[in-house]
N, C-alpha and C. Protein backbone atom coordinates (compact mmCIF):
# COMPACT_ATOMS: atom_id res chain seq x y z
N MET A 1 -23.10 0.55 10.48
CA MET A 1 -21.07 0.60 10.03
C MET A 1 -20.99 -0.27 9.59
N SER A 2 -20.04 0.72 8.45
CA SER A 2 -19.46 -0.54 7.56
C SER A 2 -17.39 -0.29 7.45
N TYR A 3 -17.43 -1.57 7.62
CA TYR A 3 -15.42 -1.56 8.01
C TYR A 3 -14.75 -2.10 6.51
N GLY A 4 -15.21 -1.38 5.89
CA GLY A 4 -14.25 -1.83 4.80
C GLY A 4 -13.75 -1.53 4.02
N ILE A 5 -14.48 0.32 4.35
CA ILE A 5 -12.90 1.68 3.89
C ILE A 5 -11.61 1.31 4.95
N PRO A 6 -12.06 1.72 5.88
CA PRO A 6 -11.08 1.51 7.00
C PRO A 6 -9.96 -0.17 6.87
N ILE A 7 -10.27 -0.79 6.71
CA ILE A 7 -10.00 -2.09 6.74
C ILE A 7 -9.25 -2.02 5.15
N VAL A 8 -9.47 -1.51 4.22
CA VAL A 8 -8.98 -1.70 2.65
C VAL A 8 -7.70 -0.60 2.91
N ARG A 9 -7.65 0.84 4.34
CA ARG A 9 -7.19 1.40 4.34
C ARG A 9 -5.79 1.27 5.05
N LEU A 10 -6.34 0.78 6.03
CA LEU A 10 -4.87 -0.25 6.68
C LEU A 10 -4.42 -1.49 6.07
N VAL A 11 -5.17 -1.88 5.29
CA VAL A 11 -3.91 -3.06 4.05
C VAL A 11 -3.23 -2.33 3.66
N LEU A 12 -3.80 -0.66 3.11
CA LEU A 12 -3.21 -0.06 2.11
C LEU A 12 -1.42 0.58 2.66
N GLY A 13 -2.01 1.16 3.64
CA GLY A 13 -1.05 1.88 4.78
C GLY A 13 -0.17 0.57 4.83
N LEU A 14 -0.23 -0.63 5.40
CA LEU A 14 1.16 -1.23 5.41
C LEU A 14 1.51 -1.79 4.34
N THR A 15 0.54 -1.72 2.84
CA THR A 15 1.41 -1.74 1.84
C THR A 15 2.45 -0.76 1.47
N VAL A 16 2.57 0.63 2.13
CA VAL A 16 2.76 1.68 1.50
C VAL A 16 4.57 1.54 2.77
N ALA A 17 4.13 1.29 3.89
CA ALA A 17 5.08 0.83 4.87
C ALA A 17 6.36 -0.04 4.50
N VAL A 18 6.00 -1.31 3.98
CA VAL A 18 6.77 -2.27 3.75
C VAL A 18 7.63 -2.15 1.92
N GLY A 19 6.85 -1.38 1.17
CA GLY A 19 7.59 -0.26 0.49
C GLY A 19 8.45 0.22 0.59
N ALA A 20 8.20 1.29 2.05
CA ALA A 20 8.15 2.46 2.78
C ALA A 20 10.33 1.34 2.75
N GLN A 21 10.25 0.82 4.05
CA GLN A 21 11.20 -0.04 4.12
C GLN A 21 12.13 -0.55 3.37
N LYS A 22 11.74 -0.70 1.93
CA LYS A 22 12.36 -1.95 1.06
C LYS A 22 12.99 -0.65 -0.13
N LEU A 23 12.39 0.89 0.19
CA LEU A 23 13.77 1.76 -0.74
C LEU A 23 14.38 1.99 0.52
N PHE A 24 14.04 2.70 1.59
CA PHE A 24 14.89 3.11 2.65
C PHE A 24 15.16 3.46 3.74
N GLY A 25 13.98 1.98 4.35
CA GLY A 25 14.86 1.73 5.54
C GLY A 25 14.26 2.16 6.25
N ALA A 26 12.90 2.46 6.54
CA ALA A 26 12.42 3.29 7.55
C ALA A 26 11.84 2.34 8.19
N LEU A 27 11.71 2.14 8.94
CA LEU A 27 10.65 1.71 10.30
C LEU A 27 11.58 0.58 10.93
N GLY A 28 12.85 1.00 10.32
CA GLY A 28 13.60 -0.48 10.93
C GLY A 28 13.79 -1.48 9.41
N GLY A 29 13.63 -1.20 8.96
CA GLY A 29 13.63 -1.55 7.14
C GLY A 29 15.52 -2.40 6.71
N SER A 30 16.28 -2.60 5.36
CA SER A 30 16.60 -3.30 5.65
C SER A 30 17.31 -1.91 4.28
N GLY A 31 16.55 -1.45 3.75
CA GLY A 31 16.78 -0.28 2.61
C GLY A 31 17.09 -1.07 1.25
N ARG A 32 17.51 -0.64 0.67
CA ARG A 32 17.87 -1.29 -1.59
C ARG A 32 19.00 -2.28 -1.21
N ARG A 33 19.99 -2.11 -0.07
CA ARG A 33 20.98 -2.91 -0.36
C ARG A 33 20.26 -3.69 0.38
N GLY A 34 19.70 -3.94 1.32
CA GLY A 34 19.31 -4.98 2.23
C GLY A 34 18.39 -6.18 1.35
N THR A 35 17.33 -5.76 0.84
CA THR A 35 16.67 -6.12 0.52
C THR A 35 16.83 -6.98 -1.01
N ALA A 36 18.33 -5.69 -1.87
CA ALA A 36 19.27 -6.76 -3.08
C ALA A 36 20.30 -8.13 -2.26
N ARG A 37 20.57 -8.02 -0.93
CA ARG A 37 21.17 -9.16 0.17
C ARG A 37 20.66 -10.34 -0.24
N GLY A 38 18.87 -10.17 -0.09
CA GLY A 38 18.15 -10.93 -0.15
C GLY A 38 17.66 -11.86 -1.02
N LEU A 39 17.08 -10.93 -1.77
CA LEU A 39 17.50 -10.90 -3.03
C LEU A 39 17.90 -12.06 -3.51
N ASP A 40 19.26 -11.51 -3.86
CA ASP A 40 20.98 -12.06 -4.09
C ASP A 40 20.79 -14.06 -3.56
N ARG A 41 20.50 -14.00 -2.47
CA ARG A 41 20.19 -14.69 -1.69
C ARG A 41 19.11 -16.10 -2.52
N LEU A 42 18.21 -16.11 -2.98
CA LEU A 42 17.52 -16.47 -3.83
C LEU A 42 17.66 -16.67 -5.12
N ALA A 43 18.45 -16.35 -5.75
CA ALA A 43 19.09 -16.23 -6.39
C ALA A 43 18.57 -15.29 -8.03
N TYR A 44 18.11 -14.45 -7.65
CA TYR A 44 17.18 -13.44 -8.81
C TYR A 44 18.56 -12.40 -9.22
N ARG A 45 17.75 -12.58 -10.39
CA ARG A 45 19.33 -11.60 -11.81
C ARG A 45 19.09 -10.68 -11.17
N ALA A 46 19.92 -9.73 -11.45
CA ALA A 46 19.80 -8.60 -11.00
C ALA A 46 18.52 -7.60 -9.78
N PRO A 47 19.81 -8.74 -8.16
CA PRO A 47 18.73 -7.60 -7.23
C PRO A 47 18.40 -7.26 -6.62
N LEU A 48 19.84 -5.36 -7.13
CA LEU A 48 19.21 -4.19 -7.39
C LEU A 48 18.64 -4.23 -7.80
N LEU A 49 18.06 -4.01 -8.96
CA LEU A 49 17.48 -3.33 -9.72
C LEU A 49 15.84 -4.23 -9.78
N MET A 50 15.78 -5.69 -8.98
CA MET A 50 14.43 -6.67 -9.03
C MET A 50 13.97 -5.62 -7.61
N GLY A 51 14.96 -5.34 -6.63
CA GLY A 51 14.77 -5.06 -4.99
C GLY A 51 14.08 -3.65 -5.37
N LEU A 52 14.48 -2.50 -6.06
CA LEU A 52 13.78 -1.30 -6.34
C LEU A 52 12.61 -1.71 -6.97
N ARG A 53 12.03 -2.88 -7.65
CA ARG A 53 11.43 -2.50 -8.85
C ARG A 53 10.03 -2.56 -7.43
N ALA A 54 11.07 -4.08 -7.00
CA ALA A 54 9.28 -4.61 -5.90
C ALA A 54 9.17 -2.86 -4.28
N GLY A 55 10.09 -2.49 -4.41
CA GLY A 55 9.84 -1.67 -3.07
C GLY A 55 8.61 0.18 -4.41
N LEU A 56 9.14 -0.19 -4.98
CA LEU A 56 8.51 1.56 -6.41
C LEU A 56 7.10 0.90 -5.89
N ALA A 57 7.12 -1.13 -6.72
CA ALA A 57 5.73 -1.42 -6.60
C ALA A 57 4.42 -1.58 -5.32
N GLU A 58 5.72 -1.44 -4.34
CA GLU A 58 4.75 -1.38 -3.08
C GLU A 58 4.36 0.12 -2.75
N PHE A 59 5.35 1.06 -2.32
CA PHE A 59 5.44 2.17 -2.26
C PHE A 59 4.00 3.05 -3.36
N GLY A 60 4.69 2.74 -4.79
CA GLY A 60 3.70 4.14 -5.21
C GLY A 60 2.19 2.80 -5.68
N GLY A 61 2.38 1.59 -5.67
CA GLY A 61 1.37 1.02 -6.03
C GLY A 61 0.59 1.51 -4.05
N GLY A 62 0.56 1.47 -3.42
CA GLY A 62 -0.10 1.47 -2.12
C GLY A 62 -0.51 3.14 -1.83
N LEU A 63 0.02 4.21 -2.81
CA LEU A 63 -0.72 5.42 -2.36
C LEU A 63 -1.19 5.56 -3.35
N LEU A 64 -0.68 5.27 -4.80
CA LEU A 64 -2.18 5.56 -5.77
C LEU A 64 -2.91 4.79 -5.89
N ALA A 65 -2.97 3.61 -4.75
CA ALA A 65 -4.70 2.55 -4.42
C ALA A 65 -5.16 3.39 -3.24
N ALA A 66 -4.70 4.09 -2.33
CA ALA A 66 -4.87 4.46 -0.81
C ALA A 66 -5.15 6.28 -1.96
N PHE A 67 -5.32 6.76 -2.08
CA PHE A 67 -5.36 7.90 -3.45
C PHE A 67 -7.05 8.19 -3.59
N LEU A 68 -6.68 7.20 -4.78
CA LEU A 68 -7.96 5.93 -5.64
C LEU A 68 -9.05 5.92 -4.46
N VAL A 69 -8.96 4.78 -3.65
CA VAL A 69 -9.85 4.61 -2.77
C VAL A 69 -10.68 5.87 -1.75
N ARG A 70 -9.58 6.49 -1.64
CA ARG A 70 -10.66 7.80 -0.49
C ARG A 70 -10.90 8.72 -1.78
N SER A 71 -10.85 8.95 -2.53
CA SER A 71 -11.63 10.38 -4.40
C SER A 71 -12.16 9.18 -4.01
N ALA A 72 -12.86 8.18 -4.75
CA ALA A 72 -14.37 6.96 -4.45
C ALA A 72 -15.07 7.64 -3.18
N GLY A 73 -14.42 7.70 -2.08
CA GLY A 73 -15.85 7.73 -0.72
C GLY A 73 -16.07 9.35 -1.06
N ARG A 74 -15.00 9.93 -2.07
CA ARG A 74 -15.73 11.56 -1.73
C ARG A 74 -16.77 11.67 -2.38
N HIS A 75 -16.71 11.07 -4.00
CA HIS A 75 -17.70 11.18 -4.82
C HIS A 75 -19.09 9.51 -4.78
N ARG A 76 -19.08 9.60 -2.87
CA ARG A 76 -20.24 8.27 -3.47
C ARG A 76 -21.45 9.39 -2.88
N LYS A 77 -22.55 9.18 -2.88
CA LYS A 77 -23.84 9.84 -2.75
C LYS A 77 -24.59 9.42 -1.66
N PRO A 78 -24.68 10.46 -0.86
CA PRO A 78 -25.58 9.99 0.39
C PRO A 78 -26.62 8.79 0.09
N SER A 79 -27.35 7.72 0.86
CA SER A 79 -28.20 6.88 0.44
C SER A 79 -29.52 8.22 1.54
N ALA A 80 -30.30 8.00 0.52
CA ALA A 80 -32.19 8.31 0.90
C ALA A 80 -32.66 7.42 1.80
N LYS A 81 -32.49 8.44 3.09
CA LYS A 81 -34.09 7.54 4.06
C LYS A 81 -34.96 7.82 3.90
N SER A 82 -35.32 6.73 4.09
CA SER A 82 -36.39 6.59 3.45
C SER A 82 -37.82 6.39 5.22
N PRO A 83 -38.88 7.38 4.78
CA PRO A 83 -39.37 8.24 5.79
C PRO A 83 -40.29 6.88 6.50
N VAL A 84 -40.10 7.53 8.24
CA VAL A 84 -40.92 6.44 8.77
C VAL A 84 -41.84 6.61 8.98
N HIS A 85 -43.21 5.11 9.26
CA HIS A 85 -45.27 6.10 9.28
C HIS A 85 -44.68 4.80 10.20
N SER A 86 -46.31 5.83 11.66
CA SER A 86 -45.91 5.81 12.06
C SER A 86 -47.58 5.33 12.89
């Protein structure tokens, strides 16, 4: 049994969840303003814009990658089983 695809899906799901925390405050996250406050403490210029970019990159990138992984799994050819000789 291959564990590769489920592990990739788990990682992508976590990436989307962290992006949702930064963008929407989902799952107990601080949202855009909280992310901007954290980036401001780290002396980023334009912390609100940088927080929005980070959230969009994680949320959008995770969704896009999850879609690509799912579509790649659909187009896989089934492996031909070799006949068993007794």
